[in-house]
């Protein structure tokens, strides 16, 4: 079941999900390297990456995993929520030109602690490239 933005905690159900897709560009990788300071040549140097086991440059894994944060803050549960934790398993590389689809799915609800646990998955062409689990806190005063 897909959801609308900014759902009250009491209306969230196990199985609700939201997705976001974006195509990774050279500009994304360069911007992320500048922002994060991660100038690992596997991401930014064609010659170095070409001689690696990947054969070409790969995107920083944290670019794709950041799409989870976008979903939590804008779709499910929506504005005002706060990340409590995230596990990430990087299964396959993401290349320039790949379209990544991130999906978050409600796995567990703790009303008393105002916490939600989500399964988090990024896919490229139906292949899971990142998997994990996130815990989100929902303040009781969010608007």
N, C-alpha and C. Protein backbone atom coordinates (compact mmCIF):
# COMPACT_ATOMS: atom_id res chain seq x y z
N UNK A 1 0.85 -1.17 0.00
CA UNK A 1 0.00 0.00 0.00
C UNK A 1 0.90 1.24 0.00
N UNK A 2 0.71 2.11 -0.98
CA UNK A 2 1.46 3.36 -1.04
C UNK A 2 0.76 4.39 -0.15
N UNK A 3 1.50 5.39 0.28
CA UNK A 3 0.97 6.31 1.27
C UNK A 3 1.07 7.76 0.84
N UNK A 4 0.35 8.60 1.55
CA UNK A 4 0.44 10.04 1.35
C UNK A 4 1.45 10.62 2.34
N UNK A 5 1.76 11.88 2.19
CA UNK A 5 2.75 12.54 3.03
C UNK A 5 2.21 12.83 4.43
N UNK A 6 3.13 12.78 5.42
CA UNK A 6 2.89 13.24 6.79
C UNK A 6 1.71 12.55 7.47
N UNK A 7 1.80 11.26 7.59
CA UNK A 7 0.74 10.47 8.19
C UNK A 7 0.88 10.49 9.72
N UNK A 8 -0.21 10.72 10.44
CA UNK A 8 -0.14 10.62 11.90
C UNK A 8 0.26 9.21 12.33
N UNK A 9 1.05 9.11 13.39
CA UNK A 9 1.54 7.81 13.87
C UNK A 9 0.40 6.81 14.03
N UNK A 10 -0.72 7.26 14.55
CA UNK A 10 -1.84 6.36 14.83
C UNK A 10 -2.47 5.79 13.55
N UNK A 11 -2.17 6.38 12.40
CA UNK A 11 -2.74 5.90 11.13
C UNK A 11 -1.75 5.05 10.33
N UNK A 12 -0.53 4.91 10.83
CA UNK A 12 0.47 4.11 10.12
C UNK A 12 0.24 2.64 10.42
N UNK A 13 0.38 1.81 9.37
CA UNK A 13 0.16 0.38 9.50
C UNK A 13 1.37 -0.39 8.97
N UNK A 14 1.61 -1.57 9.54
CA UNK A 14 2.65 -2.46 9.03
C UNK A 14 2.32 -2.76 7.56
N UNK A 15 3.34 -2.70 6.73
CA UNK A 15 3.18 -2.96 5.30
C UNK A 15 3.08 -1.72 4.44
N UNK A 16 2.80 -0.56 5.06
CA UNK A 16 2.80 0.68 4.28
C UNK A 16 4.19 0.92 3.72
N UNK A 17 4.25 1.49 2.50
CA UNK A 17 5.56 1.74 1.89
C UNK A 17 5.53 3.01 1.06
N UNK A 18 6.71 3.48 0.75
CA UNK A 18 6.88 4.63 -0.13
C UNK A 18 8.16 4.41 -0.92
N UNK A 19 8.22 4.94 -2.14
CA UNK A 19 9.38 4.76 -3.00
C UNK A 19 9.80 6.08 -3.64
N UNK A 20 11.06 6.13 -4.02
CA UNK A 20 11.63 7.29 -4.71
C UNK A 20 12.67 6.77 -5.69
N UNK A 21 12.68 7.30 -6.90
CA UNK A 21 13.67 6.90 -7.90
C UNK A 21 14.46 8.10 -8.39
N UNK A 22 15.75 7.85 -8.66
CA UNK A 22 16.61 8.88 -9.21
C UNK A 22 17.72 8.22 -10.01
N UNK A 23 18.06 8.82 -11.14
CA UNK A 23 19.18 8.35 -11.95
C UNK A 23 20.45 9.03 -11.47
N UNK A 24 21.49 8.22 -11.23
CA UNK A 24 22.75 8.71 -10.71
C UNK A 24 23.57 9.33 -11.85
N UNK A 25 24.06 10.55 -11.63
CA UNK A 25 24.84 11.25 -12.65
C UNK A 25 26.27 11.49 -12.18
N UNK A 26 27.11 11.84 -13.13
CA UNK A 26 28.48 12.24 -12.81
C UNK A 26 28.46 13.43 -11.85
N UNK A 27 27.55 14.37 -12.09
CA UNK A 27 27.44 15.55 -11.23
C UNK A 27 27.08 15.16 -9.80
N UNK A 28 26.21 14.16 -9.63
CA UNK A 28 25.86 13.68 -8.29
C UNK A 28 27.10 13.19 -7.56
N UNK A 29 27.90 12.39 -8.25
CA UNK A 29 29.10 11.82 -7.63
C UNK A 29 30.11 12.92 -7.28
N UNK A 30 30.31 13.86 -8.19
CA UNK A 30 31.24 14.95 -7.91
C UNK A 30 30.74 15.84 -6.77
N UNK A 31 29.45 16.11 -6.75
CA UNK A 31 28.88 16.92 -5.66
C UNK A 31 29.02 16.22 -4.32
N UNK A 32 28.73 14.92 -4.31
CA UNK A 32 28.83 14.17 -3.06
C UNK A 32 30.28 14.11 -2.59
N UNK A 33 31.22 13.91 -3.52
CA UNK A 33 32.64 13.88 -3.14
C UNK A 33 33.04 15.20 -2.51
N UNK A 34 32.57 16.31 -3.10
CA UNK A 34 32.89 17.62 -2.54
C UNK A 34 32.26 17.86 -1.18
N UNK A 35 31.03 17.42 -1.04
CA UNK A 35 30.31 17.61 0.22
C UNK A 35 30.88 16.73 1.34
N UNK A 36 31.15 15.48 1.02
CA UNK A 36 31.56 14.51 2.05
C UNK A 36 33.07 14.48 2.28
N UNK A 37 33.84 14.94 1.28
CA UNK A 37 35.29 14.81 1.37
C UNK A 37 35.78 13.45 0.91
N UNK A 38 34.89 12.58 0.45
CA UNK A 38 35.26 11.24 -0.01
C UNK A 38 35.64 11.29 -1.49
N UNK A 39 36.93 11.47 -1.73
CA UNK A 39 37.45 11.54 -3.10
C UNK A 39 38.14 10.24 -3.48
N UNK A 40 37.66 9.12 -2.95
CA UNK A 40 38.18 7.81 -3.30
C UNK A 40 38.20 7.69 -4.82
N UNK A 41 39.34 7.31 -5.41
CA UNK A 41 39.43 7.26 -6.87
C UNK A 41 38.47 6.26 -7.52
N UNK A 42 37.96 5.31 -6.80
CA UNK A 42 36.98 4.38 -7.37
C UNK A 42 35.71 5.13 -7.79
N UNK A 43 35.50 6.29 -7.17
CA UNK A 43 34.32 7.12 -7.48
C UNK A 43 34.63 8.24 -8.46
N UNK A 44 35.83 8.79 -8.41
CA UNK A 44 36.09 10.05 -9.13
C UNK A 44 37.16 9.98 -10.22
N UNK A 45 37.86 8.86 -10.35
CA UNK A 45 38.96 8.78 -11.31
C UNK A 45 38.71 7.65 -12.31
N UNK A 46 38.46 8.03 -13.58
CA UNK A 46 38.14 7.06 -14.64
C UNK A 46 39.24 6.02 -14.81
N UNK A 47 40.48 6.47 -14.86
CA UNK A 47 41.61 5.54 -15.09
C UNK A 47 41.73 4.54 -13.96
N UNK A 48 41.73 5.03 -12.74
CA UNK A 48 41.83 4.15 -11.58
C UNK A 48 40.68 3.15 -11.56
N UNK A 49 39.45 3.66 -11.70
CA UNK A 49 38.26 2.79 -11.63
C UNK A 49 38.25 1.79 -12.78
N UNK A 50 38.75 2.21 -13.96
CA UNK A 50 38.79 1.32 -15.11
C UNK A 50 39.66 0.10 -14.89
N UNK A 51 40.67 0.23 -14.05
CA UNK A 51 41.55 -0.91 -13.77
C UNK A 51 41.10 -1.70 -12.54
N UNK A 52 39.99 -1.30 -11.95
CA UNK A 52 39.47 -2.01 -10.77
C UNK A 52 38.60 -3.19 -11.20
N UNK A 53 38.17 -3.98 -10.26
CA UNK A 53 37.28 -5.12 -10.55
C UNK A 53 35.93 -4.66 -11.09
N UNK A 54 35.57 -3.37 -10.89
CA UNK A 54 34.30 -2.85 -11.36
C UNK A 54 34.35 -2.39 -12.81
N UNK A 55 35.55 -2.09 -13.32
CA UNK A 55 35.73 -1.73 -14.71
C UNK A 55 35.41 -0.29 -15.05
N UNK A 56 34.77 0.40 -14.14
CA UNK A 56 34.44 1.81 -14.33
C UNK A 56 34.07 2.40 -12.99
N UNK A 57 33.88 3.73 -12.95
CA UNK A 57 33.57 4.42 -11.69
C UNK A 57 32.24 3.93 -11.12
N UNK A 58 32.21 3.84 -9.81
CA UNK A 58 30.97 3.50 -9.11
C UNK A 58 30.55 4.67 -8.21
N UNK A 59 29.27 4.77 -7.99
CA UNK A 59 28.74 5.83 -7.12
C UNK A 59 29.02 5.49 -5.66
N UNK A 60 29.18 6.51 -4.85
CA UNK A 60 29.27 6.31 -3.41
C UNK A 60 27.99 5.62 -2.95
N UNK A 61 28.11 4.60 -2.13
CA UNK A 61 26.93 3.89 -1.64
C UNK A 61 26.01 4.78 -0.84
N UNK A 62 26.60 5.78 -0.19
CA UNK A 62 25.78 6.66 0.65
C UNK A 62 24.89 7.58 -0.16
N UNK A 63 25.18 7.77 -1.45
CA UNK A 63 24.27 8.57 -2.27
C UNK A 63 22.93 7.86 -2.36
N UNK A 64 22.96 6.60 -2.77
CA UNK A 64 21.71 5.84 -2.90
C UNK A 64 21.01 5.67 -1.56
N UNK A 65 21.78 5.39 -0.51
CA UNK A 65 21.16 5.18 0.80
C UNK A 65 20.55 6.46 1.35
N UNK A 66 21.01 7.61 0.88
CA UNK A 66 20.42 8.87 1.36
C UNK A 66 18.98 9.05 0.88
N UNK A 67 18.59 8.31 -0.14
CA UNK A 67 17.20 8.39 -0.61
C UNK A 67 16.22 7.92 0.46
N UNK A 68 16.68 7.04 1.37
CA UNK A 68 15.81 6.62 2.48
C UNK A 68 15.43 7.83 3.33
N UNK A 69 16.41 8.66 3.63
CA UNK A 69 16.16 9.85 4.43
C UNK A 69 15.14 10.76 3.75
N UNK A 70 15.27 10.89 2.43
CA UNK A 70 14.31 11.71 1.68
C UNK A 70 12.90 11.16 1.84
N UNK A 71 12.76 9.86 1.76
CA UNK A 71 11.43 9.25 1.90
C UNK A 71 10.86 9.45 3.30
N UNK A 72 11.69 9.24 4.31
CA UNK A 72 11.19 9.40 5.68
C UNK A 72 10.75 10.83 5.95
N UNK A 73 11.52 11.79 5.50
CA UNK A 73 11.23 13.19 5.79
C UNK A 73 10.14 13.82 4.94
N UNK A 74 9.81 13.19 3.81
CA UNK A 74 8.83 13.80 2.92
C UNK A 74 7.61 12.95 2.62
N UNK A 75 7.69 11.65 2.85
CA UNK A 75 6.58 10.76 2.48
C UNK A 75 6.05 9.93 3.64
N UNK A 76 6.90 9.11 4.23
CA UNK A 76 6.45 8.17 5.26
C UNK A 76 7.49 8.06 6.35
N UNK A 77 7.29 8.58 7.51
CA UNK A 77 6.05 9.16 8.00
C UNK A 77 5.84 10.61 7.61
N UNK A 78 6.91 11.32 7.18
CA UNK A 78 6.76 12.71 6.75
C UNK A 78 7.52 13.67 7.64
N UNK A 79 7.29 14.96 7.42
CA UNK A 79 8.07 16.00 8.08
C UNK A 79 8.03 15.89 9.59
N UNK A 80 9.16 16.24 10.19
CA UNK A 80 9.27 16.24 11.65
C UNK A 80 9.82 14.96 12.24
N UNK A 81 9.88 13.87 11.46
CA UNK A 81 10.41 12.63 12.01
C UNK A 81 11.92 12.72 12.15
N UNK A 82 12.51 11.84 12.97
CA UNK A 82 13.94 11.88 13.24
C UNK A 82 14.51 10.47 13.10
N UNK A 83 15.61 10.36 12.34
CA UNK A 83 16.33 9.09 12.20
C UNK A 83 16.89 8.67 13.56
N UNK A 84 16.67 7.43 13.96
CA UNK A 84 17.29 6.90 15.18
C UNK A 84 18.43 5.94 14.85
N UNK A 85 18.25 5.13 13.78
CA UNK A 85 19.32 4.21 13.37
C UNK A 85 19.06 3.71 11.96
N UNK A 86 20.13 3.18 11.34
CA UNK A 86 20.03 2.61 10.00
C UNK A 86 21.14 1.59 9.83
N UNK A 87 20.80 0.39 9.39
CA UNK A 87 21.81 -0.57 8.96
C UNK A 87 21.81 -0.58 7.44
N UNK A 88 22.98 -0.84 6.86
CA UNK A 88 23.11 -0.86 5.40
C UNK A 88 23.98 -2.04 4.99
N UNK A 89 23.53 -2.75 3.97
CA UNK A 89 24.30 -3.83 3.37
C UNK A 89 24.43 -3.50 1.89
N UNK A 90 25.66 -3.19 1.46
CA UNK A 90 25.92 -2.81 0.08
C UNK A 90 26.20 -4.09 -0.71
N UNK A 91 25.24 -4.50 -1.53
CA UNK A 91 25.30 -5.80 -2.19
C UNK A 91 25.91 -5.74 -3.60
N UNK A 92 25.64 -4.69 -4.32
CA UNK A 92 26.15 -4.53 -5.69
C UNK A 92 26.45 -3.06 -5.93
N UNK A 93 27.39 -2.78 -6.84
CA UNK A 93 27.71 -1.39 -7.13
C UNK A 93 26.61 -0.69 -7.93
N UNK A 94 26.58 0.63 -7.80
CA UNK A 94 25.71 1.48 -8.60
C UNK A 94 26.62 2.32 -9.49
N UNK A 95 26.29 2.35 -10.78
CA UNK A 95 27.12 3.05 -11.76
C UNK A 95 26.44 4.33 -12.22
N UNK A 96 27.23 5.23 -12.82
CA UNK A 96 26.68 6.42 -13.44
C UNK A 96 25.67 5.98 -14.50
N UNK A 97 24.50 6.59 -14.48
CA UNK A 97 23.44 6.24 -15.42
C UNK A 97 22.44 5.24 -14.88
N UNK A 98 22.76 4.58 -13.76
CA UNK A 98 21.80 3.65 -13.15
C UNK A 98 20.67 4.44 -12.49
N UNK A 99 19.46 3.95 -12.62
CA UNK A 99 18.33 4.52 -11.90
C UNK A 99 18.10 3.68 -10.66
N UNK A 100 18.22 4.33 -9.52
CA UNK A 100 18.05 3.67 -8.22
C UNK A 100 16.64 3.95 -7.73
N UNK A 101 15.95 2.89 -7.31
CA UNK A 101 14.65 3.04 -6.67
C UNK A 101 14.78 2.61 -5.22
N UNK A 102 14.58 3.56 -4.32
CA UNK A 102 14.62 3.29 -2.88
C UNK A 102 13.20 3.08 -2.39
N UNK A 103 13.01 2.05 -1.56
CA UNK A 103 11.70 1.75 -0.99
C UNK A 103 11.84 1.52 0.50
N UNK A 104 10.96 2.14 1.27
CA UNK A 104 10.89 1.91 2.72
C UNK A 104 9.53 1.30 3.02
N UNK A 105 9.54 0.26 3.87
CA UNK A 105 8.31 -0.45 4.20
C UNK A 105 8.22 -0.62 5.71
N UNK A 106 7.09 -0.23 6.29
CA UNK A 106 6.89 -0.34 7.73
C UNK A 106 6.90 -1.82 8.14
N UNK A 107 7.78 -2.11 9.11
CA UNK A 107 7.96 -3.49 9.58
C UNK A 107 7.42 -3.67 11.00
N UNK A 108 7.56 -2.63 11.83
CA UNK A 108 7.13 -2.72 13.24
C UNK A 108 6.76 -1.33 13.73
N UNK A 109 5.75 -1.27 14.58
CA UNK A 109 5.28 0.00 15.15
C UNK A 109 5.29 -0.12 16.67
N UNK A 110 5.92 0.85 17.33
CA UNK A 110 5.91 0.93 18.79
C UNK A 110 5.28 2.28 19.15
N UNK A 111 3.98 2.25 19.38
CA UNK A 111 3.21 3.47 19.66
C UNK A 111 3.73 4.15 20.93
N UNK A 112 3.99 3.38 21.99
CA UNK A 112 4.40 3.96 23.27
C UNK A 112 5.71 4.74 23.16
N UNK A 113 6.67 4.21 22.41
CA UNK A 113 7.96 4.88 22.23
C UNK A 113 7.97 5.80 21.02
N UNK A 114 6.87 5.82 20.27
CA UNK A 114 6.73 6.65 19.07
C UNK A 114 7.83 6.32 18.06
N UNK A 115 8.07 5.03 17.87
CA UNK A 115 9.12 4.54 16.97
C UNK A 115 8.53 3.62 15.91
N UNK A 116 9.12 3.72 14.71
CA UNK A 116 8.76 2.85 13.60
C UNK A 116 10.03 2.16 13.12
N UNK A 117 9.92 0.88 12.78
CA UNK A 117 11.03 0.15 12.17
C UNK A 117 10.63 -0.15 10.73
N UNK A 118 11.57 0.11 9.81
CA UNK A 118 11.34 -0.07 8.38
C UNK A 118 12.34 -1.03 7.77
N UNK A 119 11.90 -1.81 6.80
CA UNK A 119 12.82 -2.47 5.88
C UNK A 119 13.18 -1.41 4.84
N UNK A 120 14.45 -1.34 4.47
CA UNK A 120 14.91 -0.36 3.48
C UNK A 120 15.63 -1.11 2.36
N UNK A 121 15.26 -0.80 1.12
CA UNK A 121 15.84 -1.48 -0.03
C UNK A 121 16.06 -0.48 -1.16
N UNK A 122 17.24 -0.55 -1.79
CA UNK A 122 17.49 0.16 -3.05
C UNK A 122 17.67 -0.89 -4.13
N UNK A 123 17.01 -0.65 -5.26
CA UNK A 123 17.12 -1.56 -6.40
C UNK A 123 17.56 -0.80 -7.65
N UNK A 124 18.28 -1.51 -8.49
CA UNK A 124 18.59 -1.07 -9.85
C UNK A 124 18.14 -2.21 -10.77
N UNK A 125 17.19 -1.92 -11.64
CA UNK A 125 16.63 -2.93 -12.55
C UNK A 125 16.25 -4.21 -11.79
N UNK A 126 15.48 -4.08 -10.73
CA UNK A 126 14.99 -5.20 -9.91
C UNK A 126 16.05 -5.97 -9.15
N UNK A 127 17.29 -5.51 -9.17
CA UNK A 127 18.36 -6.14 -8.38
C UNK A 127 18.55 -5.32 -7.12
N UNK A 128 18.50 -5.98 -5.97
CA UNK A 128 18.72 -5.30 -4.70
C UNK A 128 20.20 -4.94 -4.59
N UNK A 129 20.48 -3.63 -4.58
CA UNK A 129 21.87 -3.16 -4.46
C UNK A 129 22.20 -2.76 -3.02
N UNK A 130 21.19 -2.35 -2.26
CA UNK A 130 21.37 -2.02 -0.85
C UNK A 130 20.16 -2.55 -0.09
N UNK A 131 20.40 -3.19 1.05
CA UNK A 131 19.32 -3.60 1.94
C UNK A 131 19.66 -3.13 3.34
N UNK A 132 18.65 -3.05 4.18
CA UNK A 132 18.90 -2.66 5.56
C UNK A 132 17.61 -2.47 6.34
N UNK A 133 17.78 -1.84 7.49
CA UNK A 133 16.65 -1.59 8.38
C UNK A 133 16.86 -0.23 9.04
N UNK A 134 15.80 0.52 9.19
CA UNK A 134 15.87 1.83 9.83
C UNK A 134 14.89 1.92 10.98
N UNK A 135 15.25 2.72 11.96
CA UNK A 135 14.32 3.06 13.05
C UNK A 135 14.13 4.57 13.03
N UNK A 136 12.87 4.97 13.06
CA UNK A 136 12.50 6.38 12.99
C UNK A 136 11.69 6.75 14.23
N UNK A 137 12.00 7.91 14.79
CA UNK A 137 11.26 8.46 15.93
C UNK A 137 10.32 9.54 15.41
N UNK A 138 9.10 9.54 15.91
CA UNK A 138 8.12 10.55 15.52
C UNK A 138 7.77 11.39 16.75
N UNK A 139 8.25 12.64 16.80
CA UNK A 139 7.89 13.51 17.94
C UNK A 139 6.37 13.70 18.00
N UNK A 140 5.85 13.88 19.19
CA UNK A 140 4.40 14.01 19.33
C UNK A 140 3.90 15.41 19.00
N UNK A 141 4.80 16.34 18.71
CA UNK A 141 4.39 17.71 18.41
C UNK A 141 4.60 18.08 16.95
N UNK A 142 4.84 17.10 16.07
CA UNK A 142 5.10 17.49 14.68
C UNK A 142 3.84 17.99 14.02
N UNK A 143 4.03 18.90 13.11
CA UNK A 143 2.90 19.55 12.42
C UNK A 143 2.79 19.02 11.01
